[in-house]
Each structure stands twice: as structure tokens, then as C-alpha cells.
């Protein structure tokens, strides 16, 4: 029996985690998060693939490529959360569960960050838990794809 595959997609500027505004986003790097997700995924019987792009179209391509390959998507669309109907439409064509993750609590920040296009498709939203939010999402995803 093969393990369920979970794609963990990350949007713009998340490649700078640990260096960019650590007072907001923390000191963990994206590599740290990838390592932690792989370890927890192994414990939960999930295969994880963490990807990142600064480009909206590349994220749409990643979501489309996940169709028929991944059983679930965890996505931190970063700034595209608040602007991208294209990412929402791509997620709508994905048949498995989707969990939206944000490192910071977007509802404690600027008003424009309070609206998420992605939430309309997400089965769950986790915000304000820092890098631990990805691990919480993986735990929930394990239940959703079981």
C-alpha cells in the first residue's frame, strides 16, 4: 500500500523565511519547515513534497500538477491569499482536501489581509501558529485522507 502524497505549496517571499521580518514570521526557515513536515509526515504515514514559488502562474501549475498525484494540498499562498482568483480556480479543480496555512494571524494585521480568496475552497484554515501551523495542517490532513 502506498502512502498518501501531500503537496505543501508556498507562495511569494516564503523562501526568505527566517530572514525576512522575523518579528512577524519567526526564525524558522522554509528548509526547517520542510524537514519538520517530512519527519511528521513519515510518522503519520504521509509522503510530503514541499514546493515554493514567487510566481502566481507557477503556483497554479503546481496545483494542476498535483491532480491525480497528490491526495491533499496544504497551501500558504502568502500575498496571493488576498489577490488570486487564479489560485482559487486551480484549487477548485483539485479533488482532494485543501488546507490553508498562514504563519501570522492575518486577522491581526492590515485590513487588506483579512480577506482570503483561498478560504472559499479550503477545508480548514490555520493562522497565527507560526511554523507549527504546517504540522497542525499535516495532522488534520492525515485524518482527511485516511
C-alpha atoms as a PDB file:
ATOM      1  CA  UNK A   1       0.000   0.000   0.000  1.00  0.00           C
ATOM      2  CA  UNK A   2       1.428   3.388  -0.980  1.00  0.00           C
ATOM      3  CA  UNK A   3       1.459   6.350   1.352  1.00  0.00           C
ATOM      4  CA  UNK A   4      -0.856   9.277   0.606  1.00  0.00           C
ATOM      5  CA  UNK A   5       1.052  12.139  -1.028  1.00  0.00           C
ATOM      6  CA  UNK A   6       0.587  15.653   0.332  1.00  0.00           C
ATOM      7  CA  UNK A   7       1.860  18.678  -1.578  1.00  0.00           C
ATOM      8  CA  UNK A   8       2.825  21.613   0.624  1.00  0.00           C
ATOM      9  CA  UNK A   9       2.825  24.726  -1.554  1.00  0.00           C
ATOM     10  CA  UNK A  10       4.270  28.075  -0.562  1.00  0.00           C
ATOM     11  CA  UNK A  11       3.851  31.455  -2.198  1.00  0.00           C
ATOM     12  CA  UNK A  12       5.942  34.574  -2.640  1.00  0.00           C
ATOM     13  CA  UNK A  13       8.697  35.568  -0.249  1.00  0.00           C
ATOM     14  CA  UNK A  14       8.384  32.416   1.856  1.00  0.00           C
ATOM     15  CA  UNK A  15      11.821  31.421   0.533  1.00  0.00           C
ATOM     16  CA  UNK A  16      13.074  34.250   2.784  1.00  0.00           C
ATOM     17  CA  UNK A  17      11.617  32.810   5.997  1.00  0.00           C
ATOM     18  CA  UNK A  18      13.941  33.161   8.939  1.00  0.00           C
ATOM     19  CA  UNK A  19      15.466  36.298   7.436  1.00  0.00           C
ATOM     20  CA  UNK A  20      12.508  38.467   6.390  1.00  0.00           C
ATOM     21  CA  UNK A  21      10.613  40.174   9.203  1.00  0.00           C
ATOM     22  CA  UNK A  22      11.312  37.505  11.843  1.00  0.00           C
ATOM     23  CA  UNK A  23       9.247  39.513  14.350  1.00  0.00           C
ATOM     24  CA  UNK A  24       6.194  38.599  12.217  1.00  0.00           C
ATOM     25  CA  UNK A  25       7.157  35.305  10.584  1.00  0.00           C
ATOM     26  CA  UNK A  26       9.586  33.805  13.092  1.00  0.00           C
ATOM     27  CA  UNK A  27      13.112  32.449  12.751  1.00  0.00           C
ATOM     28  CA  UNK A  28      12.349  29.103  11.121  1.00  0.00           C
ATOM     29  CA  UNK A  29      13.450  28.805   7.514  1.00  0.00           C
ATOM     30  CA  UNK A  30      11.408  27.104   4.827  1.00  0.00           C
ATOM     31  CA  UNK A  31      14.021  24.341   4.894  1.00  0.00           C
ATOM     32  CA  UNK A  32      13.359  23.874   8.629  1.00  0.00           C
ATOM     33  CA  UNK A  33       9.632  23.618   7.937  1.00  0.00           C
ATOM     34  CA  UNK A  34      10.231  21.141   5.096  1.00  0.00           C
ATOM     35  CA  UNK A  35      12.359  18.958   7.389  1.00  0.00           C
ATOM     36  CA  UNK A  36       9.786  19.064  10.199  1.00  0.00           C
ATOM     37  CA  UNK A  37       6.947  18.253   7.775  1.00  0.00           C
ATOM     38  CA  UNK A  38       8.864  15.329   6.274  1.00  0.00           C
ATOM     39  CA  UNK A  39       9.550  13.902   9.745  1.00  0.00           C
ATOM     40  CA  UNK A  40       5.949  14.257  10.924  1.00  0.00           C
ATOM     41  CA  UNK A  41       4.655  13.036   7.576  1.00  0.00           C
ATOM     42  CA  UNK A  42       6.735   9.885   7.992  1.00  0.00           C
ATOM     43  CA  UNK A  43       5.239   9.323  11.457  1.00  0.00           C
ATOM     44  CA  UNK A  44       1.729   9.833  10.083  1.00  0.00           C
ATOM     45  CA  UNK A  45       2.260   7.646   7.026  1.00  0.00           C
ATOM     46  CA  UNK A  46       2.240  10.579   4.599  1.00  0.00           C
ATOM     47  CA  UNK A  47       4.693  11.429   1.854  1.00  0.00           C
ATOM     48  CA  UNK A  48       5.269  15.182   1.749  1.00  0.00           C
ATOM     49  CA  UNK A  49       6.526  17.350  -1.111  1.00  0.00           C
ATOM     50  CA  UNK A  50       7.233  20.975  -0.186  1.00  0.00           C
ATOM     51  CA  UNK A  51       7.447  23.449  -3.067  1.00  0.00           C
ATOM     52  CA  UNK A  52       7.738  27.245  -3.232  1.00  0.00           C
ATOM     53  CA  UNK A  53       7.402  29.874  -5.926  1.00  0.00           C
ATOM     54  CA  UNK A  54       7.295  33.634  -6.075  1.00  0.00           C
ATOM     55  CA  UNK A  55       5.183  33.435  -9.238  1.00  0.00           C
ATOM     56  CA  UNK A  56       1.399  33.074  -9.332  1.00  0.00           C
ATOM     57  CA  UNK A  57       1.356  31.076 -12.575  1.00  0.00           C
ATOM     58  CA  UNK A  58       3.943  28.646 -11.218  1.00  0.00           C
ATOM     59  CA  UNK A  59       1.729  28.020  -8.179  1.00  0.00           C
ATOM     60  CA  UNK A  60      -1.241  27.390 -10.486  1.00  0.00           C
ATOM     61  CA  UNK A  61       0.949  24.921 -12.421  1.00  0.00           C
ATOM     62  CA  UNK A  62       1.914  23.175  -9.153  1.00  0.00           C
ATOM     63  CA  UNK A  63      -1.735  22.819  -8.157  1.00  0.00           C
ATOM     64  CA  UNK A  64      -2.667  21.450 -11.573  1.00  0.00           C
ATOM     65  CA  UNK A  65       0.290  19.026 -11.463  1.00  0.00           C
ATOM     66  CA  UNK A  66      -0.968  17.731  -8.095  1.00  0.00           C
ATOM     67  CA  UNK A  67      -4.168  16.440  -9.731  1.00  0.00           C
ATOM     68  CA  UNK A  68      -4.023  12.672  -9.893  1.00  0.00           C
ATOM     69  CA  UNK A  69      -0.736  12.621  -7.940  1.00  0.00           C
ATOM     70  CA  UNK A  70      -1.407  14.134  -4.510  1.00  0.00           C
ATOM     71  CA  UNK A  71      -4.231  13.196  -2.192  1.00  0.00           C
ATOM     72  CA  UNK A  72      -4.155  16.594  -0.456  1.00  0.00           C
ATOM     73  CA  UNK A  73      -2.714  20.100  -0.679  1.00  0.00           C
ATOM     74  CA  UNK A  74      -1.527  22.296   2.159  1.00  0.00           C
ATOM     75  CA  UNK A  75      -1.016  25.809   0.839  1.00  0.00           C
ATOM     76  CA  UNK A  76       0.410  29.019   2.226  1.00  0.00           C
ATOM     77  CA  UNK A  77      -0.338  31.328  -0.685  1.00  0.00           C
ATOM     78  CA  UNK A  78       1.234  34.280   1.163  1.00  0.00           C
ATOM     79  CA  UNK A  79       0.322  37.589  -0.520  1.00  0.00           C
ATOM     80  CA  UNK A  80      -1.659  35.743  -3.214  1.00  0.00           C
ATOM     81  CA  UNK A  81      -4.159  34.836  -0.499  1.00  0.00           C
ATOM     82  CA  UNK A  82      -5.692  38.256  -0.878  1.00  0.00           C
ATOM     83  CA  UNK A  83      -5.480  38.669  -4.647  1.00  0.00           C
ATOM     84  CA  UNK A  84      -5.511  35.430  -6.611  1.00  0.00           C
ATOM     85  CA  UNK A  85      -8.687  34.157  -8.175  1.00  0.00           C
ATOM     86  CA  UNK A  86      -6.419  32.081 -10.454  1.00  0.00           C
ATOM     87  CA  UNK A  87      -5.095  30.068  -7.487  1.00  0.00           C
ATOM     88  CA  UNK A  88      -8.639  29.683  -6.146  1.00  0.00           C
ATOM     89  CA  UNK A  89      -9.818  28.383  -9.535  1.00  0.00           C
ATOM     90  CA  UNK A  90      -6.908  25.919  -9.732  1.00  0.00           C
ATOM     91  CA  UNK A  91      -7.689  24.643  -6.224  1.00  0.00           C
ATOM     92  CA  UNK A  92     -11.361  24.250  -7.195  1.00  0.00           C
ATOM     93  CA  UNK A  93     -10.245  21.782  -9.897  1.00  0.00           C
ATOM     94  CA  UNK A  94      -8.288  19.721  -7.340  1.00  0.00           C
ATOM     95  CA  UNK A  95     -10.423  16.892  -5.976  1.00  0.00           C
ATOM     96  CA  UNK A  96      -8.702  16.266  -2.630  1.00  0.00           C
ATOM     97  CA  UNK A  97      -8.760  18.242   0.604  1.00  0.00           C
ATOM     98  CA  UNK A  98      -7.054  21.635   0.819  1.00  0.00           C
ATOM     99  CA  UNK A  99      -5.782  23.276   3.994  1.00  0.00           C
ATOM    100  CA  UNK A 100      -4.779  26.940   4.008  1.00  0.00           C
ATOM    101  CA  UNK A 101      -1.921  27.906   6.339  1.00  0.00           C
ATOM    102  CA  UNK A 102      -0.609  31.311   7.416  1.00  0.00           C
ATOM    103  CA  UNK A 103       2.335  31.825   9.737  1.00  0.00           C
ATOM    104  CA  UNK A 104       0.916  35.045  11.152  1.00  0.00           C
ATOM    105  CA  UNK A 105      -2.622  35.792  12.253  1.00  0.00           C
ATOM    106  CA  UNK A 106      -3.826  37.597   9.142  1.00  0.00           C
ATOM    107  CA  UNK A 107      -6.785  38.984  11.113  1.00  0.00           C
ATOM    108  CA  UNK A 108      -4.475  40.940  13.464  1.00  0.00           C
ATOM    109  CA  UNK A 109      -2.725  42.602  10.527  1.00  0.00           C
ATOM    110  CA  UNK A 110      -3.631  45.205   7.913  1.00  0.00           C
ATOM    111  CA  UNK A 111      -7.278  45.233   6.815  1.00  0.00           C
ATOM    112  CA  UNK A 112      -6.460  44.141   3.242  1.00  0.00           C
ATOM    113  CA  UNK A 113      -5.079  40.865   4.663  1.00  0.00           C
ATOM    114  CA  UNK A 114      -8.403  39.967   6.286  1.00  0.00           C
ATOM    115  CA  UNK A 115      -9.925  38.638   3.055  1.00  0.00           C
ATOM    116  CA  UNK A 116      -8.783  35.311   1.636  1.00  0.00           C
ATOM    117  CA  UNK A 117      -9.874  34.100  -1.776  1.00  0.00           C
ATOM    118  CA  UNK A 118      -8.361  30.706  -0.918  1.00  0.00           C
ATOM    119  CA  UNK A 119     -10.615  30.154   2.107  1.00  0.00           C
ATOM    120  CA  UNK A 120     -13.590  29.679  -0.213  1.00  0.00           C
ATOM    121  CA  UNK A 121     -12.032  26.345  -1.271  1.00  0.00           C
ATOM    122  CA  UNK A 122     -10.149  25.380   1.904  1.00  0.00           C
ATOM    123  CA  UNK A 123     -11.399  22.549   4.087  1.00  0.00           C
ATOM    124  CA  UNK A 124      -9.572  24.171   7.022  1.00  0.00           C
ATOM    125  CA  UNK A 125      -7.632  27.361   7.725  1.00  0.00           C
ATOM    126  CA  UNK A 126      -4.789  27.609  10.231  1.00  0.00           C
ATOM    127  CA  UNK A 127      -3.385  31.059  11.013  1.00  0.00           C
ATOM    128  CA  UNK A 128      -1.126  32.545  13.644  1.00  0.00           C
ATOM    129  CA  UNK A 129       0.677  29.378  14.742  1.00  0.00           C
ATOM    130  CA  UNK A 130       3.997  30.069  13.018  1.00  0.00           C
ATOM    131  CA  UNK A 131       5.744  27.069  11.502  1.00  0.00           C
ATOM    132  CA  UNK A 132       3.733  24.802  13.807  1.00  0.00           C
ATOM    133  CA  UNK A 133       0.723  25.596  11.617  1.00  0.00           C
ATOM    134  CA  UNK A 134       2.128  23.334   8.905  1.00  0.00           C
ATOM    135  CA  UNK A 135       2.380  20.471  11.386  1.00  0.00           C
ATOM    136  CA  UNK A 136      -1.165  21.055  12.594  1.00  0.00           C
ATOM    137  CA  UNK A 137      -2.280  21.026   8.958  1.00  0.00           C
ATOM    138  CA  UNK A 138      -0.467  17.730   8.359  1.00  0.00           C
ATOM    139  CA  UNK A 139      -2.161  16.150  11.371  1.00  0.00           C
ATOM    140  CA  UNK A 140      -5.561  17.246  10.076  1.00  0.00           C
ATOM    141  CA  UNK A 141      -4.694  16.157   6.534  1.00  0.00           C
ATOM    142  CA  UNK A 142      -3.849  12.669   7.814  1.00  0.00           C
ATOM    143  CA  UNK A 143      -7.429  12.408   9.061  1.00  0.00           C
ATOM    144  CA  UNK A 144      -8.931  13.832   5.864  1.00  0.00           C
ATOM    145  CA  UNK A 145      -7.090  11.458   3.511  1.00  0.00           C
ATOM    146  CA  UNK A 146      -7.458   8.349   5.691  1.00  0.00           C
END
